[in-house]
Amino acid sequence: MSMRTIYRKVAKKHGVTAAEVKREMQAAVDCAYRKPDKTEAEKSIQRRVPAQSKIPTAEELICFLASEVKKGDAVP
């Protein structure tokens, strides 16, 4: 399933636009990565997420999490 399809389905379910879903998801990722008082578990998980820059895009995070679920790896 494409990211575009995911955004559209979530948007439709919540009565918002796909652009709003994408923007809010990215805001949540940004907030999590900028959080000053992260636990060691949070830091460990964040280091595992492959990203083009310091903070991953929502798409990069979703792809990482989906691959972890597919592999059956537990993300602590």
N, C-alpha and C. Protein backbone atom coordinates (compact mmCIF):
# COMPACT_ATOMS: atom_id res chain seq x y z
N MET A 1 0.85 -1.17 0.00
CA MET A 1 0.00 0.00 0.00
C MET A 1 0.90 1.24 0.00
N SER A 2 0.57 2.17 -0.82
CA SER A 2 1.38 3.39 -0.93
C SER A 2 1.09 4.34 0.23
N MET A 3 2.03 5.21 0.49
CA MET A 3 1.85 6.20 1.54
C MET A 3 0.66 7.10 1.22
N ARG A 4 0.50 7.41 -0.04
CA ARG A 4 -0.61 8.26 -0.45
C ARG A 4 -1.95 7.61 -0.07
N THR A 5 -2.04 6.30 -0.29
CA THR A 5 -3.26 5.57 0.05
C THR A 5 -3.47 5.57 1.56
N ILE A 6 -2.39 5.37 2.30
CA ILE A 6 -2.49 5.37 3.76
C ILE A 6 -3.00 6.72 4.25
N TYR A 7 -2.40 7.80 3.77
CA TYR A 7 -2.84 9.14 4.18
C TYR A 7 -4.31 9.37 3.85
N ARG A 8 -4.72 8.94 2.67
CA ARG A 8 -6.12 9.13 2.26
C ARG A 8 -7.07 8.35 3.15
N LYS A 9 -6.74 7.11 3.47
CA LYS A 9 -7.61 6.29 4.30
C LYS A 9 -7.74 6.87 5.71
N VAL A 10 -6.62 7.29 6.27
CA VAL A 10 -6.65 7.88 7.62
C VAL A 10 -7.45 9.18 7.58
N ALA A 11 -7.22 9.97 6.56
CA ALA A 11 -7.93 11.25 6.43
C ALA A 11 -9.44 11.04 6.33
N LYS A 12 -9.83 10.10 5.50
CA LYS A 12 -11.26 9.83 5.31
C LYS A 12 -11.89 9.38 6.62
N LYS A 13 -11.19 8.52 7.35
CA LYS A 13 -11.72 8.00 8.62
C LYS A 13 -11.91 9.11 9.64
N HIS A 14 -11.06 10.13 9.60
CA HIS A 14 -11.11 11.20 10.60
C HIS A 14 -11.68 12.51 10.08
N GLY A 15 -12.15 12.52 8.85
CA GLY A 15 -12.80 13.71 8.31
C GLY A 15 -11.88 14.90 8.11
N VAL A 16 -10.63 14.61 7.71
CA VAL A 16 -9.68 15.68 7.42
C VAL A 16 -9.05 15.40 6.07
N THR A 17 -8.15 16.28 5.64
CA THR A 17 -7.49 16.07 4.35
C THR A 17 -6.24 15.19 4.53
N ALA A 18 -5.81 14.61 3.44
CA ALA A 18 -4.59 13.81 3.46
C ALA A 18 -3.39 14.69 3.82
N ALA A 19 -3.40 15.92 3.36
CA ALA A 19 -2.32 16.85 3.68
C ALA A 19 -2.25 17.11 5.19
N GLU A 20 -3.42 17.23 5.82
CA GLU A 20 -3.43 17.43 7.28
C GLU A 20 -2.87 16.21 8.01
N VAL A 21 -3.22 15.04 7.55
CA VAL A 21 -2.71 13.81 8.16
C VAL A 21 -1.19 13.77 8.06
N LYS A 22 -0.68 14.03 6.87
CA LYS A 22 0.77 14.00 6.65
C LYS A 22 1.46 15.04 7.53
N ARG A 23 0.92 16.24 7.58
CA ARG A 23 1.51 17.32 8.37
C ARG A 23 1.51 16.97 9.86
N GLU A 24 0.41 16.44 10.36
CA GLU A 24 0.32 16.10 11.78
C GLU A 24 1.22 14.91 12.14
N MET A 25 1.32 13.95 11.24
CA MET A 25 2.22 12.82 11.49
C MET A 25 3.66 13.30 11.56
N GLN A 26 4.05 14.18 10.66
CA GLN A 26 5.41 14.69 10.68
C GLN A 26 5.66 15.52 11.93
N ALA A 27 4.66 16.28 12.35
CA ALA A 27 4.81 17.07 13.57
C ALA A 27 5.03 16.16 14.78
N ALA A 28 4.35 15.02 14.81
CA ALA A 28 4.53 14.08 15.92
C ALA A 28 5.93 13.47 15.91
N VAL A 29 6.42 13.13 14.72
CA VAL A 29 7.77 12.58 14.59
C VAL A 29 8.79 13.64 15.04
N ASP A 30 8.64 14.85 14.55
CA ASP A 30 9.54 15.94 14.93
C ASP A 30 9.57 16.14 16.44
N CYS A 31 8.40 16.14 17.05
CA CYS A 31 8.29 16.33 18.50
C CYS A 31 9.02 15.20 19.24
N ALA A 32 8.83 13.98 18.81
CA ALA A 32 9.47 12.84 19.46
C ALA A 32 10.99 12.91 19.36
N TYR A 33 11.49 13.34 18.22
CA TYR A 33 12.93 13.41 18.02
C TYR A 33 13.57 14.62 18.70
N ARG A 34 12.79 15.65 18.94
CA ARG A 34 13.33 16.85 19.60
C ARG A 34 13.11 16.84 21.11
N LYS A 35 12.41 15.84 21.60
CA LYS A 35 12.13 15.73 23.03
C LYS A 35 13.44 15.73 23.81
N PRO A 36 13.61 16.65 24.75
CA PRO A 36 14.89 16.77 25.44
C PRO A 36 15.16 15.68 26.49
N ASP A 37 14.13 15.12 27.07
CA ASP A 37 14.32 14.16 28.16
C ASP A 37 13.94 12.73 27.76
N LYS A 38 14.53 12.26 26.67
CA LYS A 38 14.23 10.91 26.17
C LYS A 38 14.83 9.84 27.08
N THR A 39 14.13 8.72 27.17
CA THR A 39 14.68 7.58 27.90
C THR A 39 15.71 6.90 27.00
N GLU A 40 16.48 6.02 27.59
CA GLU A 40 17.46 5.26 26.80
C GLU A 40 16.77 4.39 25.76
N ALA A 41 15.60 3.85 26.11
CA ALA A 41 14.85 3.03 25.16
C ALA A 41 14.41 3.87 23.95
N GLU A 42 13.94 5.09 24.20
CA GLU A 42 13.54 5.98 23.10
C GLU A 42 14.73 6.30 22.21
N LYS A 43 15.86 6.63 22.83
CA LYS A 43 17.07 6.94 22.06
C LYS A 43 17.50 5.75 21.22
N SER A 44 17.43 4.57 21.79
CA SER A 44 17.84 3.35 21.09
C SER A 44 16.98 3.10 19.85
N ILE A 45 15.69 3.22 20.02
CA ILE A 45 14.77 3.01 18.89
C ILE A 45 15.03 4.06 17.82
N GLN A 46 15.16 5.31 18.22
CA GLN A 46 15.36 6.39 17.25
C GLN A 46 16.65 6.22 16.46
N ARG A 47 17.68 5.68 17.09
CA ARG A 47 18.94 5.44 16.37
C ARG A 47 18.80 4.36 15.31
N ARG A 48 17.85 3.46 15.50
CA ARG A 48 17.65 2.35 14.55
C ARG A 48 16.90 2.76 13.29
N VAL A 49 16.21 3.87 13.32
CA VAL A 49 15.38 4.28 12.18
C VAL A 49 16.27 4.92 11.11
N PRO A 50 16.35 4.29 9.93
CA PRO A 50 17.15 4.89 8.86
C PRO A 50 16.47 6.16 8.33
N ALA A 51 17.27 7.21 8.16
CA ALA A 51 16.70 8.47 7.70
C ALA A 51 17.73 9.24 6.88
N GLN A 52 17.24 10.04 5.95
CA GLN A 52 18.10 10.86 5.11
C GLN A 52 18.70 12.03 5.90
N SER A 53 18.01 12.45 6.95
CA SER A 53 18.52 13.55 7.77
C SER A 53 18.43 13.15 9.24
N LYS A 54 18.67 14.08 10.12
CA LYS A 54 18.69 13.80 11.56
C LYS A 54 17.33 13.31 12.06
N ILE A 55 16.27 13.88 11.55
CA ILE A 55 14.91 13.48 11.92
C ILE A 55 14.27 12.81 10.70
N PRO A 56 13.76 11.59 10.87
CA PRO A 56 13.16 10.91 9.72
C PRO A 56 11.84 11.56 9.31
N THR A 57 11.47 11.32 8.08
CA THR A 57 10.16 11.74 7.63
C THR A 57 9.15 10.74 8.20
N ALA A 58 7.89 11.13 8.18
CA ALA A 58 6.85 10.20 8.63
C ALA A 58 6.90 8.93 7.79
N GLU A 59 7.15 9.07 6.49
CA GLU A 59 7.24 7.92 5.60
C GLU A 59 8.40 7.00 5.99
N GLU A 60 9.54 7.57 6.30
CA GLU A 60 10.69 6.76 6.71
C GLU A 60 10.39 5.99 7.99
N LEU A 61 9.74 6.64 8.92
CA LEU A 61 9.41 5.97 10.18
C LEU A 61 8.38 4.86 9.96
N ILE A 62 7.36 5.13 9.17
CA ILE A 62 6.34 4.12 8.90
C ILE A 62 6.95 2.92 8.18
N CYS A 63 7.79 3.17 7.21
CA CYS A 63 8.45 2.06 6.48
C CYS A 63 9.31 1.23 7.42
N PHE A 64 10.05 1.89 8.32
CA PHE A 64 10.87 1.17 9.29
C PHE A 64 9.99 0.31 10.18
N LEU A 65 8.94 0.88 10.73
CA LEU A 65 8.07 0.14 11.64
C LEU A 65 7.37 -1.01 10.93
N ALA A 66 6.96 -0.79 9.70
CA ALA A 66 6.32 -1.85 8.94
C ALA A 66 7.28 -3.01 8.70
N SER A 67 8.54 -2.69 8.40
CA SER A 67 9.53 -3.75 8.17
C SER A 67 9.81 -4.51 9.46
N GLU A 68 9.80 -3.83 10.59
CA GLU A 68 10.00 -4.50 11.87
C GLU A 68 8.84 -5.45 12.17
N VAL A 69 7.63 -5.00 11.88
CA VAL A 69 6.46 -5.85 12.10
C VAL A 69 6.52 -7.08 11.19
N LYS A 70 6.89 -6.86 9.93
CA LYS A 70 7.01 -7.97 8.97
C LYS A 70 8.02 -9.00 9.43
N LYS A 71 9.15 -8.52 9.94
CA LYS A 71 10.21 -9.42 10.40
C LYS A 71 9.83 -10.09 11.71
N GLY A 72 8.86 -9.53 12.39
CA GLY A 72 8.47 -10.06 13.68
C GLY A 72 9.35 -9.55 14.82
N ASP A 73 10.15 -8.54 14.53
CA ASP A 73 11.01 -7.95 15.56
C ASP A 73 10.18 -7.06 16.46
N ALA A 74 10.43 -7.18 17.73
CA ALA A 74 9.73 -6.31 18.69
C ALA A 74 10.48 -4.99 18.77
N VAL A 75 9.76 -3.91 18.66
CA VAL A 75 10.35 -2.58 18.85
C VAL A 75 10.02 -2.21 20.28
N PRO A 76 11.03 -2.17 21.15
CA PRO A 76 10.75 -1.90 22.57
C PRO A 76 10.11 -0.56 22.79
